[in-house]
Every structure is written in structure tokens, then in C-alpha cells.
């Protein structure tokens, strides 16, 4: 009986190992077969619409193209980013959940940040909007109805 139990236990381990191996192999095959390109990476397609315009970027720490922030990509391509709009957690993602975020200046680029999550009146001020021609949005959202990022776009 003991020998039979050991054989069954080993068979279960082998089956589990095979299933795990199959999952790993199929996942890496799928990842290699279907590379996803985010829209922000297609700057060649949208840059013509931004030329000669004052651009505001609504984004945060999730706005990434590979290992580069969308803001850096825009600046490298000589896009005139004049204002940053920040949602909950701030532009660089350093504020805690629910913490009001004050308007400020981005420490990395020196571009003014207009907070859309400051606890005050909703939306950017008319003065900020007067200096903007186009607003780009690059926010990763989890797709739930109570998440603040998609609501921020309405402000």
C-alpha cells in the first residue's frame, strides 16, 4: 500500500510539473507572438496634429512608452508641452490615495502642473486653459466604474 501511495504521489507531482511547464511555455510563446504597441508610441502618427500647438498632457507615472515616460518622448520630439495635468496620486505618482494634490511645477522638466485632484473646484482654471490648444491623455486605467482616472478626463 505504501508503494502504491508513493507512485500516485509521484505521478501527481509529474502531472503538476507538466501542466506548469505547459503554462510557462504557452505564455512565453504568446508574449513573443503578439507584441502590443501602445498608442503613445506611435508619435509619428499624432505629432503632425501637435506641431505649432501648445500641448497639455494629462498623465501620471503610468504614462510609459517602454521604459520612457510619455512626457519625455514628447519633449524629445520637440512637442511644445506647456502644462501637465495631474490626476489622483499626482503627475509622478507620489501622493497617497485620496490625498489632495496641489498644483506645482514638475521637478524633472520645470513644466507647470495643474492638479485636477486638489480638493477645490473641478477642472483647470480658465487661465490655464487659455494657454492650451490641445490636451493629450495618457492614463492607464483598471476599467472599473469607481476608479478616479477616467472621471478625471471629464474635469
Protein backbone atom coordinates (compact mmCIF):
# COMPACT_ATOMS: atom_id res chain seq x y z
CA UNK A 1 0.00 0.00 0.00
CA UNK A 2 2.85 2.37 0.88
CA UNK A 3 4.50 1.79 -2.52
CA UNK A 4 1.22 2.45 -4.33
CA UNK A 5 0.80 5.74 -2.44
CA UNK A 6 4.33 6.85 -3.38
CA UNK A 7 3.71 6.06 -7.05
CA UNK A 8 0.46 8.03 -7.07
CA UNK A 9 2.13 10.93 -5.26
CA UNK A 10 4.98 10.98 -7.80
CA UNK A 11 2.53 10.79 -10.70
CA UNK A 12 0.65 13.80 -9.26
CA UNK A 13 3.93 15.74 -8.99
CA UNK A 14 4.89 14.86 -12.56
CA UNK A 15 1.45 15.87 -13.89
CA UNK A 16 1.60 19.14 -11.93
CA UNK A 17 5.09 19.81 -13.30
CA UNK A 18 3.94 19.11 -16.87
CA UNK A 19 0.92 21.41 -16.50
CA UNK A 20 3.08 24.16 -15.00
CA UNK A 21 5.68 23.75 -17.78
CA UNK A 22 2.97 23.89 -20.45
CA UNK A 23 1.59 27.11 -18.97
CA UNK A 24 5.01 28.74 -18.87
CA UNK A 25 5.83 27.70 -22.43
CA UNK A 26 2.47 28.82 -23.80
CA UNK A 27 2.70 32.17 -22.00
CA UNK A 28 6.15 32.93 -23.38
CA UNK A 29 5.05 31.83 -26.86
CA UNK A 30 2.05 34.16 -26.73
CA UNK A 31 4.19 37.02 -25.43
CA UNK A 32 6.66 36.55 -28.30
CA UNK A 33 3.95 36.18 -30.93
CA UNK A 34 1.85 39.25 -30.08
CA UNK A 35 3.77 42.36 -29.08
CA UNK A 36 1.50 45.23 -28.10
CA UNK A 37 2.30 48.77 -29.19
CA UNK A 38 0.65 51.47 -27.09
CA UNK A 39 -0.81 54.46 -28.87
CA UNK A 40 1.64 56.91 -27.28
CA UNK A 41 4.48 55.07 -29.00
CA UNK A 42 3.03 55.98 -32.43
CA UNK A 43 4.25 59.57 -32.24
CA UNK A 44 4.85 59.58 -35.99
CA UNK A 45 1.07 59.40 -36.44
CA UNK A 46 -0.04 62.08 -33.98
CA UNK A 47 2.89 64.52 -33.97
CA UNK A 48 1.62 66.36 -37.09
CA UNK A 49 -1.53 67.32 -35.15
CA UNK A 50 0.60 68.81 -32.37
CA UNK A 51 3.01 70.91 -34.43
CA UNK A 52 2.63 74.62 -33.75
CA UNK A 53 0.25 73.97 -30.87
CA UNK A 54 0.56 74.44 -27.10
CA UNK A 55 0.06 70.99 -25.61
CA UNK A 56 -1.16 69.93 -22.18
CA UNK A 57 -0.54 66.37 -21.06
CA UNK A 58 -2.90 64.62 -18.63
CA UNK A 59 -0.87 61.71 -17.34
CA UNK A 60 0.84 60.18 -14.34
CA UNK A 61 3.51 57.59 -13.58
CA UNK A 62 1.68 55.00 -15.74
CA UNK A 63 2.16 57.03 -18.94
CA UNK A 64 5.04 54.99 -20.27
CA UNK A 65 6.35 54.04 -23.70
CA UNK A 66 8.68 51.18 -22.90
CA UNK A 67 10.98 52.50 -20.19
CA UNK A 68 10.39 56.15 -21.10
CA UNK A 69 7.65 58.47 -19.83
CA UNK A 70 5.32 59.85 -22.49
CA UNK A 71 6.32 63.38 -21.47
CA UNK A 72 9.98 62.62 -22.23
CA UNK A 73 9.01 61.17 -25.61
CA UNK A 74 7.05 64.32 -26.46
CA UNK A 75 9.85 66.64 -25.38
CA UNK A 76 12.45 64.63 -27.34
CA UNK A 77 10.27 65.12 -30.41
CA UNK A 78 10.11 68.90 -29.87
CA UNK A 79 6.43 68.95 -28.88
CA UNK A 80 5.60 72.20 -27.05
CA UNK A 81 4.27 70.80 -23.76
CA UNK A 82 3.23 73.86 -21.76
CA UNK A 83 1.15 72.31 -18.97
CA UNK A 84 0.83 69.00 -17.19
CA UNK A 85 -2.50 67.93 -15.70
CA UNK A 86 -2.26 65.56 -12.76
CA UNK A 87 -4.91 63.14 -11.53
CA UNK A 88 -5.13 61.42 -8.14
CA UNK A 89 -1.66 60.43 -6.84
CA UNK A 90 -0.05 63.35 -8.72
CA UNK A 91 1.83 63.52 -12.02
CA UNK A 92 4.76 61.43 -10.78
CA UNK A 93 2.50 59.11 -8.72
CA UNK A 94 3.94 60.03 -5.32
CA UNK A 95 0.77 61.11 -3.48
CA UNK A 96 -1.26 58.66 -1.38
CA UNK A 97 -4.76 57.55 -2.39
CA UNK A 98 -7.31 60.24 -1.59
CA UNK A 99 -4.63 62.80 -0.73
CA UNK A 100 -5.33 66.18 -2.29
CA UNK A 101 -2.59 67.16 -4.72
CA UNK A 102 -1.64 70.81 -5.06
CA UNK A 103 -0.72 72.41 -8.36
CA UNK A 104 3.03 72.80 -8.66
CA UNK A 105 5.95 72.57 -11.06
CA UNK A 106 7.39 69.28 -12.30
CA UNK A 107 10.79 68.88 -10.65
CA UNK A 108 12.20 66.97 -13.62
CA UNK A 109 11.19 69.26 -16.50
CA UNK A 110 10.15 72.55 -14.90
CA UNK A 111 6.75 72.42 -16.63
CA UNK A 112 3.79 73.72 -14.56
CA UNK A 113 1.44 71.06 -13.16
CA UNK A 114 -2.24 71.92 -12.85
CA UNK A 115 -3.76 69.48 -10.37
CA UNK A 116 -7.16 68.04 -11.18
CA UNK A 117 -7.30 66.34 -7.77
CA UNK A 118 -6.74 69.23 -5.40
CA UNK A 119 -9.97 69.14 -3.41
CA UNK A 120 -11.01 72.52 -4.80
CA UNK A 121 -13.27 73.33 -7.68
CA UNK A 122 -13.38 70.84 -10.52
CA UNK A 123 -11.41 71.32 -13.68
CA UNK A 124 -8.50 73.52 -14.61
CA UNK A 125 -8.75 77.27 -14.26
CA UNK A 126 -9.70 79.40 -17.25
CA UNK A 127 -6.22 80.95 -17.11
CA UNK A 128 -4.56 77.53 -17.55
CA UNK A 129 -6.93 76.58 -20.36
CA UNK A 130 -6.30 79.87 -22.18
CA UNK A 131 -2.68 78.78 -22.66
CA UNK A 132 -3.53 75.35 -24.10
CA UNK A 133 -4.50 74.37 -27.64
CA UNK A 134 -4.54 70.56 -27.33
CA UNK A 135 -4.86 68.12 -24.42
CA UNK A 136 -3.26 64.70 -24.70
CA UNK A 137 -4.37 61.98 -22.30
CA UNK A 138 -2.17 59.04 -21.37
CA UNK A 139 -3.57 57.33 -18.29
CA UNK A 140 -3.64 53.64 -17.57
CA UNK A 141 -6.93 52.68 -16.00
CA UNK A 142 -8.14 49.44 -14.48
CA UNK A 143 -11.55 49.79 -16.13
CA UNK A 144 -13.73 49.89 -13.03
CA UNK A 145 -16.54 52.34 -12.57
CA UNK A 146 -15.24 53.73 -9.27
CA UNK A 147 -11.70 54.45 -10.39
CA UNK A 148 -10.76 58.15 -10.43
CA UNK A 149 -8.64 58.33 -13.61
CA UNK A 150 -11.40 58.07 -16.19
CA UNK A 151 -13.54 60.54 -14.24
CA UNK A 152 -10.60 62.96 -14.21
CA UNK A 153 -10.80 63.17 -18.00
CA UNK A 154 -14.27 64.71 -17.60
CA UNK A 155 -12.96 67.52 -15.42
